[in-house]
Amino acid sequence: MAAPDIAGLRTVIHYMGDDEDRRRLRNIAYRLLGSVDDAEDVVQETYLRWHRLDDQSRREIRSPRAWMTQVATRICYDHLGSARVRRESYVGSWLPDPVPSEPPAQVVDPADRVTLDESVRMALLVLLETMTPAERVALVLHDVFGMPYAEIARTVGRTPQACRQLASSARKRIKAARTAATSRDEHERIVAAFVRACADGNLDALAAVLAPDVVATTDSGGKVPSARRPVAGAARVAQLMLGIATLHRSATFEVTTVNGLPGIVAYEDGRVVAVSGVDVAGGLVTQLWIVTNPDKLTHWQAG
């Protein structure tokens, strides 16, 4: 995304908006774009556009917060189309940026919605990547942030009914992809067993915690050695993980929250070198999303 005018941003931040407003915009933009840096750029660009309005235009806006939400969403919507083109030239698999746990937003959750916690999970973010920009916007804004379809329609240039249908279609795909729920304690236990098996180099123990159809996807951006295509099957994934453990003998691994669920952070020489989201079902690891692209790990580094 184009770099915003930072001097103008400093001028406008004191004019309006508080930490809650900016956090809300970042939450929306991250879920729509899957990129922490792009989400921050969206927030900055939104505030700059407010700053560039004349005083009369600002006075005519009844709800600055709603105006900013619509502007930020439109920036995301436009960005999604170009992002797909850029990712076609990305080296290897592209994954959303992993994030640590974040403070909850204040939203009301209708019964048919995905929850705010679920909306940041890697499995859902990866699935959102397969949707059209309009589907993604309609689902996230309505099901996660409770925005009415009429307001979403103004952003994506569709009718409210069309937006309702887009969200319904996206919701059906999510429900079809869901597996039986696993408790957080059980999820953490399985991830810990997986980490121990990798650290011990125990192929049998590793295979015992992997589902037969497990898939591991690595995102390195071509900047560090990695598998550039998803690896499927317990035997192949076990060999991949043991190969990684052998390559990084000095690395240490910590089970911690990654995108709302227990995942894995790998440290080497005091720096984070990999962050992995993990999905489990039936007591086994079913998905691994391993991010090693250093550009996507900057916000995990200490200091």
C-alpha atoms as a PDB file:
ATOM      1  CA  MET A   1       0.000   0.000   0.000  1.00  0.00           C
ATOM      2  CA  ALA A   2       1.156   3.542  -0.611  1.00  0.00           C
ATOM      3  CA  ALA A   3       2.895   5.148   2.371  1.00  0.00           C
ATOM      4  CA  PRO A   4       0.650   7.711   4.065  1.00  0.00           C
ATOM      5  CA  ASP A   5       1.598  11.265   4.967  1.00  0.00           C
ATOM      6  CA  ILE A   6       2.818  10.694   8.543  1.00  0.00           C
ATOM      7  CA  ALA A   7       3.078  14.411   9.333  1.00  0.00           C
ATOM      8  CA  GLY A   8      -0.573  14.839   8.411  1.00  0.00           C
ATOM      9  CA  LEU A   9      -1.445  11.804  10.489  1.00  0.00           C
ATOM     10  CA  ARG A  10       0.098  13.326  13.614  1.00  0.00           C
ATOM     11  CA  THR A  11      -1.976  16.445  13.034  1.00  0.00           C
ATOM     12  CA  VAL A  12      -5.248  14.554  12.800  1.00  0.00           C
ATOM     13  CA  ILE A  13      -4.819  11.984  15.556  1.00  0.00           C
ATOM     14  CA  HIS A  14      -5.293  14.624  18.259  1.00  0.00           C
ATOM     15  CA  TYR A  15      -8.330  15.980  16.421  1.00  0.00           C
ATOM     16  CA  MET A  16     -10.562  12.946  16.847  1.00  0.00           C
ATOM     17  CA  GLY A  17     -10.655   9.273  17.635  1.00  0.00           C
ATOM     18  CA  ASP A  18      -9.316   7.396  20.643  1.00  0.00           C
ATOM     19  CA  ASP A  19      -7.467   4.139  21.169  1.00  0.00           C
ATOM     20  CA  GLU A  20     -10.714   2.164  21.010  1.00  0.00           C
ATOM     21  CA  ASP A  21     -11.623   3.652  17.626  1.00  0.00           C
ATOM     22  CA  ARG A  22      -8.195   2.969  16.165  1.00  0.00           C
ATOM     23  CA  ARG A  23      -8.168  -0.558  17.593  1.00  0.00           C
ATOM     24  CA  ARG A  24     -11.576  -1.223  16.061  1.00  0.00           C
ATOM     25  CA  LEU A  25     -10.387  -0.048  12.645  1.00  0.00           C
ATOM     26  CA  ARG A  26      -7.262  -2.202  12.924  1.00  0.00           C
ATOM     27  CA  ASN A  27      -9.368  -5.199  13.949  1.00  0.00           C
ATOM     28  CA  ILE A  28     -11.592  -4.778  10.899  1.00  0.00           C
ATOM     29  CA  ALA A  29      -8.700  -4.187   8.499  1.00  0.00           C
ATOM     30  CA  TYR A  30      -6.675  -7.146   9.779  1.00  0.00           C
ATOM     31  CA  ARG A  31      -9.585  -9.536   9.361  1.00  0.00           C
ATOM     32  CA  LEU A  32     -10.240  -8.228   5.873  1.00  0.00           C
ATOM     33  CA  LEU A  33      -6.616  -8.161   4.684  1.00  0.00           C
ATOM     34  CA  GLY A  34      -4.799 -10.719   6.813  1.00  0.00           C
ATOM     35  CA  SER A  35      -1.818  -8.367   7.115  1.00  0.00           C
ATOM     36  CA  VAL A  36      -0.810  -6.437  10.226  1.00  0.00           C
ATOM     37  CA  ASP A  37       1.200  -3.838   8.288  1.00  0.00           C
ATOM     38  CA  ASP A  38      -1.539  -3.308   5.706  1.00  0.00           C
ATOM     39  CA  ALA A  39      -4.113  -2.963   8.477  1.00  0.00           C
ATOM     40  CA  GLU A  40      -2.044  -0.242  10.113  1.00  0.00           C
ATOM     41  CA  ASP A  41      -1.675   1.518   6.755  1.00  0.00           C
ATOM     42  CA  VAL A  42      -5.458   1.448   6.358  1.00  0.00           C
ATOM     43  CA  VAL A  43      -5.939   3.080   9.751  1.00  0.00           C
ATOM     44  CA  GLN A  44      -3.421   5.808   8.938  1.00  0.00           C
ATOM     45  CA  GLU A  45      -4.909   6.466   5.522  1.00  0.00           C
ATOM     46  CA  THR A  46      -8.399   6.682   7.029  1.00  0.00           C
ATOM     47  CA  TYR A  47      -7.339   9.322   9.526  1.00  0.00           C
ATOM     48  CA  LEU A  48      -5.542  11.248   6.810  1.00  0.00           C
ATOM     49  CA  ARG A  49      -8.685  11.343   4.689  1.00  0.00           C
ATOM     50  CA  TRP A  50     -10.594  12.757   7.647  1.00  0.00           C
ATOM     51  CA  HIS A  51      -7.869  15.334   8.131  1.00  0.00           C
ATOM     52  CA  ARG A  52      -8.090  16.399   4.490  1.00  0.00           C
ATOM     53  CA  LEU A  53     -11.801  17.216   4.743  1.00  0.00           C
ATOM     54  CA  ASP A  54     -12.681  20.857   5.145  1.00  0.00           C
ATOM     55  CA  ASP A  55     -14.460  21.998   8.309  1.00  0.00           C
ATOM     56  CA  GLN A  56     -17.865  22.164   6.625  1.00  0.00           C
ATOM     57  CA  SER A  57     -17.586  18.601   5.341  1.00  0.00           C
ATOM     58  CA  ARG A  58     -16.668  17.361   8.816  1.00  0.00           C
ATOM     59  CA  ARG A  59     -19.638  19.135  10.389  1.00  0.00           C
ATOM     60  CA  GLU A  60     -21.969  17.428   7.893  1.00  0.00           C
ATOM     61  CA  ILE A  61     -20.854  13.978   9.013  1.00  0.00           C
ATOM     62  CA  ARG A  62     -23.266  12.834  11.732  1.00  0.00           C
ATOM     63  CA  SER A  63     -21.135   9.955  12.963  1.00  0.00           C
ATOM     64  CA  PRO A  64     -17.359  10.299  12.453  1.00  0.00           C
ATOM     65  CA  ARG A  65     -16.898   6.743  13.713  1.00  0.00           C
ATOM     66  CA  ALA A  66     -19.306   5.322  11.129  1.00  0.00           C
ATOM     67  CA  TRP A  67     -17.697   7.479   8.433  1.00  0.00           C
ATOM     68  CA  MET A  68     -14.242   6.193   9.322  1.00  0.00           C
ATOM     69  CA  THR A  69     -15.441   2.599   9.391  1.00  0.00           C
ATOM     70  CA  GLN A  70     -16.920   2.958   5.921  1.00  0.00           C
ATOM     71  CA  VAL A  71     -13.780   4.641   4.568  1.00  0.00           C
ATOM     72  CA  ALA A  72     -11.455   2.037   6.097  1.00  0.00           C
ATOM     73  CA  THR A  73     -13.606  -0.774   4.737  1.00  0.00           C
ATOM     74  CA  ARG A  74     -13.631   0.749   1.256  1.00  0.00           C
ATOM     75  CA  ILE A  75      -9.836   1.022   1.306  1.00  0.00           C
ATOM     76  CA  CYS A  76      -9.665  -2.654   2.300  1.00  0.00           C
ATOM     77  CA  TYR A  77     -12.190  -3.632  -0.368  1.00  0.00           C
ATOM     78  CA  ASP A  78     -10.161  -1.913  -3.083  1.00  0.00           C
ATOM     79  CA  HIS A  79      -6.942  -3.381  -1.714  1.00  0.00           C
ATOM     80  CA  LEU A  80      -8.256  -6.955  -1.747  1.00  0.00           C
ATOM     81  CA  GLY A  81      -8.537  -7.001  -5.529  1.00  0.00           C
ATOM     82  CA  SER A  82      -4.978  -5.817  -6.103  1.00  0.00           C
ATOM     83  CA  ALA A  83      -3.647  -8.070  -3.336  1.00  0.00           C
ATOM     84  CA  ARG A  84      -4.765 -11.160  -5.233  1.00  0.00           C
ATOM     85  CA  VAL A  85      -2.769 -10.063  -8.257  1.00  0.00           C
ATOM     86  CA  ARG A  86       0.344  -9.428  -6.139  1.00  0.00           C
ATOM     87  CA  ARG A  87       0.054 -12.797  -4.405  1.00  0.00           C
ATOM     88  CA  GLU A  88       0.197 -14.572  -7.748  1.00  0.00           C
ATOM     89  CA  SER A  89       3.876 -13.571  -7.884  1.00  0.00           C
ATOM     90  CA  TYR A  90       4.524 -14.316  -4.205  1.00  0.00           C
ATOM     91  CA  VAL A  91       7.213 -16.945  -3.714  1.00  0.00           C
ATOM     92  CA  GLY A  92       5.588 -20.057  -2.289  1.00  0.00           C
ATOM     93  CA  SER A  93       2.381 -20.160  -0.259  1.00  0.00           C
ATOM     94  CA  TRP A  94       0.946 -16.933   1.174  1.00  0.00           C
ATOM     95  CA  LEU A  95      -0.516 -17.074   4.676  1.00  0.00           C
ATOM     96  CA  PRO A  96      -2.139 -14.364   6.799  1.00  0.00           C
ATOM     97  CA  ASP A  97       0.145 -12.738   9.360  1.00  0.00           C
ATOM     98  CA  PRO A  98       0.073 -14.631  12.657  1.00  0.00           C
ATOM     99  CA  VAL A  99      -0.871 -12.478  15.631  1.00  0.00           C
ATOM    100  CA  PRO A 100      -0.646 -12.951  19.403  1.00  0.00           C
ATOM    101  CA  SER A 101      -3.761 -12.708  21.505  1.00  0.00           C
ATOM    102  CA  GLU A 102      -5.449  -9.309  21.279  1.00  0.00           C
ATOM    103  CA  PRO A 103      -7.915  -7.493  23.529  1.00  0.00           C
ATOM    104  CA  PRO A 104     -11.572  -8.281  22.848  1.00  0.00           C
ATOM    105  CA  ALA A 105     -13.685  -5.752  21.003  1.00  0.00           C
ATOM    106  CA  GLN A 106     -17.094  -4.803  22.340  1.00  0.00           C
ATOM    107  CA  VAL A 107     -19.594  -6.364  19.962  1.00  0.00           C
ATOM    108  CA  VAL A 108     -22.907  -8.150  20.306  1.00  0.00           C
ATOM    109  CA  ASP A 109     -22.959 -11.601  18.752  1.00  0.00           C
ATOM    110  CA  PRO A 110     -26.195 -12.799  17.078  1.00  0.00           C
ATOM    111  CA  ALA A 111     -26.630 -16.551  17.225  1.00  0.00           C
ATOM    112  CA  ASP A 112     -25.910 -17.133  13.531  1.00  0.00           C
ATOM    113  CA  ARG A 113     -22.594 -15.277  13.551  1.00  0.00           C
ATOM    114  CA  VAL A 114     -19.015 -16.403  13.777  1.00  0.00           C
ATOM    115  CA  THR A 115     -17.607 -15.058  17.030  1.00  0.00           C
ATOM    116  CA  LEU A 116     -14.955 -12.385  17.332  1.00  0.00           C
ATOM    117  CA  ASP A 117     -12.513 -14.937  18.752  1.00  0.00           C
ATOM    118  CA  GLU A 118     -13.125 -17.336  15.886  1.00  0.00           C
ATOM    119  CA  SER A 119     -12.757 -14.584  13.306  1.00  0.00           C
ATOM    120  CA  VAL A 120      -9.055 -14.178  14.025  1.00  0.00           C
ATOM    121  CA  ARG A 121      -8.226 -17.899  13.883  1.00  0.00           C
ATOM    122  CA  MET A 122      -5.883 -18.974  11.139  1.00  0.00           C
ATOM    123  CA  ALA A 123      -8.294 -21.567   9.742  1.00  0.00           C
ATOM    124  CA  LEU A 124     -10.950 -18.920   9.122  1.00  0.00           C
ATOM    125  CA  LEU A 125      -8.513 -16.327   7.771  1.00  0.00           C
ATOM    126  CA  VAL A 126      -7.168 -18.874   5.300  1.00  0.00           C
ATOM    127  CA  LEU A 127     -10.715 -19.753   4.240  1.00  0.00           C
ATOM    128  CA  LEU A 128     -11.530 -16.052   3.811  1.00  0.00           C
ATOM    129  CA  GLU A 129      -8.698 -15.885   1.273  1.00  0.00           C
ATOM    130  CA  THR A 130     -10.732 -18.156  -1.018  1.00  0.00           C
ATOM    131  CA  MET A 131     -13.725 -15.799  -1.015  1.00  0.00           C
ATOM    132  CA  THR A 132     -14.414 -12.838  -3.248  1.00  0.00           C
ATOM    133  CA  PRO A 133     -13.704  -9.389  -1.768  1.00  0.00           C
ATOM    134  CA  ALA A 134     -17.444  -8.695  -1.559  1.00  0.00           C
ATOM    135  CA  GLU A 135     -18.131 -11.971   0.290  1.00  0.00           C
ATOM    136  CA  ARG A 136     -15.308 -11.322   2.689  1.00  0.00           C
ATOM    137  CA  VAL A 137     -16.407  -7.768   3.447  1.00  0.00           C
ATOM    138  CA  ALA A 138     -20.066  -8.732   3.891  1.00  0.00           C
ATOM    139  CA  LEU A 139     -19.259 -11.610   6.230  1.00  0.00           C
ATOM    140  CA  VAL A 140     -16.687  -9.836   8.390  1.00  0.00           C
ATOM    141  CA  LEU A 141     -18.591  -6.583   8.758  1.00  0.00           C
ATOM    142  CA  HIS A 142     -21.952  -8.202   9.505  1.00  0.00           C
ATOM    143  CA  ASP A 143     -21.101 -11.430  11.282  1.00  0.00           C
ATOM    144  CA  VAL A 144     -18.116 -10.201  13.266  1.00  0.00           C
ATOM    145  CA  PHE A 145     -18.710  -6.491  13.792  1.00  0.00           C
ATOM    146  CA  GLY A 146     -22.497  -6.367  13.623  1.00  0.00           C
ATOM    147  CA  MET A 147     -22.827  -3.781  10.848  1.00  0.00           C
ATOM    148  CA  PRO A 148     -26.225  -3.611   9.082  1.00  0.00           C
ATOM    149  CA  TYR A 149     -26.420  -4.753   5.476  1.00  0.00           C
ATOM    150  CA  ALA A 150     -27.585  -1.314   4.333  1.00  0.00           C
ATOM    151  CA  GLU A 151     -24.327   0.199   5.560  1.00  0.00           C
ATOM    152  CA  ILE A 152     -22.250  -2.590   4.014  1.00  0.00           C
ATOM    153  CA  ALA A 153     -24.079  -2.086   0.711  1.00  0.00           C
ATOM    154  CA  ARG A 154     -22.881   1.508   0.488  1.00  0.00           C
ATOM    155  CA  THR A 155     -19.313   0.302   0.845  1.00  0.00           C
ATOM    156  CA  VAL A 156     -19.290  -2.477  -1.749  1.00  0.00           C
ATOM    157  CA  GLY A 157     -21.747  -0.928  -4.201  1.00  0.00           C
ATOM    158  CA  ARG A 158     -24.346  -3.708  -3.899  1.00  0.00           C
ATOM    159  CA  THR A 159     -27.907  -3.797  -2.640  1.00  0.00           C
ATOM    160  CA  PRO A 160     -28.550  -4.755   0.991  1.00  0.00           C
ATOM    161  CA  GLN A 161     -30.213  -7.952  -0.199  1.00  0.00           C
ATOM    162  CA  ALA A 162     -27.181  -8.834  -2.311  1.00  0.00           C
ATOM    163  CA  CYS A 163     -24.929  -8.265   0.707  1.00  0.00           C
ATOM    164  CA  ARG A 164     -27.176 -10.505   2.794  1.00  0.00           C
ATOM    165  CA  GLN A 165     -26.829 -13.247   0.175  1.00  0.00           C
ATOM    166  CA  LEU A 166     -23.047 -12.785   0.019  1.00  0.00           C
ATOM    167  CA  ALA A 167     -22.728 -13.175   3.782  1.00  0.00           C
ATOM    168  CA  SER A 168     -25.057 -16.180   3.774  1.00  0.00           C
ATOM    169  CA  SER A 169     -23.010 -17.883   1.069  1.00  0.00           C
ATOM    170  CA  ALA A 170     -19.768 -17.215   2.947  1.00  0.00           C
ATOM    171  CA  ARG A 171     -21.301 -18.439   6.200  1.00  0.00           C
ATOM    172  CA  LYS A 172     -22.339 -21.742   4.593  1.00  0.00           C
ATOM    173  CA  ARG A 173     -18.764 -22.326   3.421  1.00  0.00           C
ATOM    174  CA  ILE A 174     -17.486 -21.718   6.930  1.00  0.00           C
ATOM    175  CA  LYS A 175     -19.993 -24.107   8.463  1.00  0.00           C
ATOM    176  CA  ALA A 176     -19.104 -26.771   5.881  1.00  0.00           C
ATOM    177  CA  ALA A 177     -15.428 -26.472   6.787  1.00  0.00           C
ATOM    178  CA  ARG A 178     -15.929 -26.620  10.567  1.00  0.00           C
ATOM    179  CA  THR A 179     -14.872 -29.681  12.495  1.00  0.00           C
ATOM    180  CA  ALA A 180     -16.014 -30.851  15.915  1.00  0.00           C
ATOM    181  CA  ALA A 181     -15.004 -28.416  18.619  1.00  0.00           C
ATOM    182  CA  THR A 182     -11.958 -29.204  20.757  1.00  0.00           C
ATOM    183  CA  SER A 183     -11.529 -27.702  24.210  1.00  0.00           C
ATOM    184  CA  ARG A 184      -8.679 -25.266  24.647  1.00  0.00           C
ATOM    185  CA  ASP A 185      -7.006 -27.545  27.212  1.00  0.00           C
ATOM    186  CA  GLU A 186      -7.141 -30.496  24.822  1.00  0.00           C
ATOM    187  CA  HIS A 187      -5.877 -28.334  21.951  1.00  0.00           C
ATOM    188  CA  GLU A 188      -2.937 -27.201  24.076  1.00  0.00           C
ATOM    189  CA  ARG A 189      -2.166 -30.755  25.183  1.00  0.00           C
ATOM    190  CA  ILE A 190      -1.997 -31.960  21.570  1.00  0.00           C
ATOM    191  CA  VAL A 191       0.202 -29.045  20.505  1.00  0.00           C
ATOM    192  CA  ALA A 192       2.552 -29.677  23.444  1.00  0.00           C
ATOM    193  CA  ALA A 193       2.814 -33.368  22.515  1.00  0.00           C
ATOM    194  CA  PHE A 194       3.577 -32.365  18.928  1.00  0.00           C
ATOM    195  CA  VAL A 195       6.345 -29.995  20.082  1.00  0.00           C
ATOM    196  CA  ARG A 196       7.904 -32.646  22.346  1.00  0.00           C
ATOM    197  CA  ALA A 197       7.970 -35.193  19.519  1.00  0.00           C
ATOM    198  CA  CYS A 198       9.637 -32.692  17.174  1.00  0.00           C
ATOM    199  CA  ALA A 199      12.227 -31.725  19.805  1.00  0.00           C
ATOM    200  CA  ASP A 200      12.987 -35.373  20.610  1.00  0.00           C
ATOM    201  CA  GLY A 201      13.264 -36.314  16.930  1.00  0.00           C
ATOM    202  CA  ASN A 202      10.835 -39.158  17.619  1.00  0.00           C
ATOM    203  CA  LEU A 203       9.202 -40.062  14.322  1.00  0.00           C
ATOM    204  CA  ASP A 204       6.770 -42.550  15.857  1.00  0.00           C
ATOM    205  CA  ALA A 205       5.626 -40.113  18.552  1.00  0.00           C
ATOM    206  CA  LEU A 206       5.221 -37.414  15.938  1.00  0.00           C
ATOM    207  CA  ALA A 207       3.194 -39.616  13.616  1.00  0.00           C
ATOM    208  CA  ALA A 208       0.973 -40.548  16.573  1.00  0.00           C
ATOM    209  CA  VAL A 209      -0.283 -36.958  16.956  1.00  0.00           C
ATOM    210  CA  LEU A 210      -0.755 -36.270  13.225  1.00  0.00           C
ATOM    211  CA  ALA A 211      -4.014 -36.956  11.393  1.00  0.00           C
ATOM    212  CA  PRO A 212      -3.583 -39.192   8.308  1.00  0.00           C
ATOM    213  CA  ASP A 213      -4.646 -36.282   6.064  1.00  0.00           C
ATOM    214  CA  VAL A 214      -2.750 -33.546   7.934  1.00  0.00           C
ATOM    215  CA  VAL A 215      -1.537 -30.625   5.798  1.00  0.00           C
ATOM    216  CA  ALA A 216       1.397 -28.329   6.578  1.00  0.00           C
ATOM    217  CA  THR A 217       1.672 -25.016   4.739  1.00  0.00           C
ATOM    218  CA  THR A 218       4.771 -22.856   5.062  1.00  0.00           C
ATOM    219  CA  ASP A 219       5.020 -19.154   4.220  1.00  0.00           C
ATOM    220  CA  SER A 220       8.600 -17.956   3.829  1.00  0.00           C
ATOM    221  CA  GLY A 221       8.162 -15.490   0.976  1.00  0.00           C
ATOM    222  CA  GLY A 222      11.258 -17.090  -0.525  1.00  0.00           C
ATOM    223  CA  LYS A 223      13.390 -15.362   2.127  1.00  0.00           C
ATOM    224  CA  VAL A 224      14.366 -18.467   4.087  1.00  0.00           C
ATOM    225  CA  PRO A 225      14.489 -22.132   3.033  1.00  0.00           C
ATOM    226  CA  SER A 226      11.100 -23.840   3.229  1.00  0.00           C
ATOM    227  CA  ALA A 227       8.651 -26.060   1.409  1.00  0.00           C
ATOM    228  CA  ARG A 228       7.047 -23.836  -1.213  1.00  0.00           C
ATOM    229  CA  ARG A 229       3.945 -25.985  -1.596  1.00  0.00           C
ATOM    230  CA  PRO A 230       1.676 -27.508   1.043  1.00  0.00           C
ATOM    231  CA  VAL A 231       2.829 -30.893   2.322  1.00  0.00           C
ATOM    232  CA  ALA A 232       0.066 -33.455   2.894  1.00  0.00           C
ATOM    233  CA  GLY A 233      -0.074 -36.772   4.740  1.00  0.00           C
ATOM    234  CA  ALA A 234       1.191 -37.802   8.165  1.00  0.00           C
ATOM    235  CA  ALA A 235       4.405 -39.449   6.937  1.00  0.00           C
ATOM    236  CA  ARG A 236       5.441 -36.515   4.754  1.00  0.00           C
ATOM    237  CA  VAL A 237       4.561 -33.906   7.344  1.00  0.00           C
ATOM    238  CA  ALA A 238       6.444 -35.840  10.041  1.00  0.00           C
ATOM    239  CA  GLN A 239       9.544 -35.941   7.835  1.00  0.00           C
ATOM    240  CA  LEU A 240       9.166 -32.226   7.084  1.00  0.00           C
ATOM    241  CA  MET A 241       8.954 -31.305  10.762  1.00  0.00           C
ATOM    242  CA  LEU A 242      11.892 -33.468  11.744  1.00  0.00           C
ATOM    243  CA  GLY A 243      13.887 -31.935   8.902  1.00  0.00           C
ATOM    244  CA  ILE A 244      13.090 -28.465  10.212  1.00  0.00           C
ATOM    245  CA  ALA A 245      14.040 -29.506  13.753  1.00  0.00           C
ATOM    246  CA  THR A 246      17.344 -30.890  12.498  1.00  0.00           C
ATOM    247  CA  LEU A 247      18.079 -27.734  10.516  1.00  0.00           C
ATOM    248  CA  HIS A 248      17.425 -25.591  13.604  1.00  0.00           C
ATOM    249  CA  ARG A 249      19.026 -27.684  16.355  1.00  0.00           C
ATOM    250  CA  SER A 250      19.605 -24.635  18.548  1.00  0.00           C
ATOM    251  CA  ALA A 251      15.991 -23.473  18.336  1.00  0.00           C
ATOM    252  CA  THR A 252      13.648 -23.549  21.295  1.00  0.00           C
ATOM    253  CA  PHE A 253       9.887 -23.916  20.977  1.00  0.00           C
ATOM    254  CA  GLU A 254       7.142 -22.403  23.093  1.00  0.00           C
ATOM    255  CA  VAL A 255       3.453 -23.237  23.111  1.00  0.00           C
ATOM    256  CA  THR A 256       1.616 -19.928  23.156  1.00  0.00           C
ATOM    257  CA  THR A 257      -1.490 -18.260  21.774  1.00  0.00           C
ATOM    258  CA  VAL A 258      -1.388 -17.773  18.000  1.00  0.00           C
ATOM    259  CA  ASN A 259      -4.498 -16.240  16.429  1.00  0.00           C
ATOM    260  CA  GLY A 260      -6.627 -17.097  19.415  1.00  0.00           C
ATOM    261  CA  LEU A 261      -5.591 -20.744  19.860  1.00  0.00           C
ATOM    262  CA  PRO A 262      -2.570 -22.607  21.244  1.00  0.00           C
ATOM    263  CA  GLY A 263       0.181 -22.550  18.631  1.00  0.00           C
ATOM    264  CA  ILE A 264       3.971 -22.617  18.461  1.00  0.00           C
ATOM    265  CA  VAL A 265       6.649 -19.938  18.475  1.00  0.00           C
ATOM    266  CA  ALA A 266      10.231 -20.919  17.586  1.00  0.00           C
ATOM    267  CA  TYR A 267      13.176 -18.907  18.911  1.00  0.00           C
ATOM    268  CA  GLU A 268      16.759 -18.964  17.697  1.00  0.00           C
ATOM    269  CA  ASP A 269      19.498 -16.736  19.081  1.00  0.00           C
ATOM    270  CA  GLY A 270      16.882 -14.748  20.979  1.00  0.00           C
ATOM    271  CA  ARG A 271      14.746 -13.971  17.931  1.00  0.00           C
ATOM    272  CA  VAL A 272      11.462 -15.419  16.707  1.00  0.00           C
ATOM    273  CA  VAL A 273      12.165 -17.393  13.524  1.00  0.00           C
ATOM    274  CA  ALA A 274       8.812 -19.106  13.051  1.00  0.00           C
ATOM    275  CA  VAL A 275       5.245 -18.852  14.289  1.00  0.00           C
ATOM    276  CA  SER A 276       2.862 -21.730  13.664  1.00  0.00           C
ATOM    277  CA  GLY A 277      -0.891 -21.860  13.866  1.00  0.00           C
ATOM    278  CA  VAL A 278      -2.196 -25.338  14.632  1.00  0.00           C
ATOM    279  CA  ASP A 279      -5.626 -26.842  14.101  1.00  0.00           C
ATOM    280  CA  VAL A 280      -6.709 -30.074  15.739  1.00  0.00           C
ATOM    281  CA  ALA A 281      -9.652 -32.438  15.498  1.00  0.00           C
ATOM    282  CA  GLY A 282     -10.324 -35.847  16.971  1.00  0.00           C
ATOM    283  CA  GLY A 283      -7.261 -35.608  19.205  1.00  0.00           C
ATOM    284  CA  LEU A 284      -4.858 -35.127  16.276  1.00  0.00           C
ATOM    285  CA  VAL A 285      -3.130 -32.257  14.474  1.00  0.00           C
ATOM    286  CA  THR A 286      -4.976 -31.647  11.205  1.00  0.00           C
ATOM    287  CA  GLN A 287      -3.437 -28.389   9.946  1.00  0.00           C
ATOM    288  CA  LEU A 288      -0.149 -26.555  10.406  1.00  0.00           C
ATOM    289  CA  TRP A 289       0.350 -23.002   9.140  1.00  0.00           C
ATOM    290  CA  ILE A 290       4.035 -22.176   9.547  1.00  0.00           C
ATOM    291  CA  VAL A 291       5.121 -18.570   8.955  1.00  0.00           C
ATOM    292  CA  THR A 292       8.878 -18.058   8.600  1.00  0.00           C
ATOM    293  CA  ASN A 293       8.891 -14.941   6.409  1.00  0.00           C
ATOM    294  CA  PRO A 294      10.817 -12.503   8.657  1.00  0.00           C
ATOM    295  CA  ASP A 295       8.746  -9.567   7.371  1.00  0.00           C
ATOM    296  CA  LYS A 296       5.666 -11.168   8.955  1.00  0.00           C
ATOM    297  CA  LEU A 297       7.347 -11.767  12.310  1.00  0.00           C
ATOM    298  CA  THR A 298       8.543  -8.263  13.187  1.00  0.00           C
ATOM    299  CA  HIS A 299       5.687  -7.673  15.657  1.00  0.00           C
ATOM    300  CA  TRP A 300       6.651 -10.892  17.492  1.00  0.00           C
ATOM    301  CA  GLN A 301      10.188  -9.728  18.187  1.00  0.00           C
ATOM    302  CA  ALA A 302      11.068  -8.523  21.675  1.00  0.00           C
ATOM    303  CA  GLY A 303      11.865  -4.820  21.971  1.00  0.00           C
END
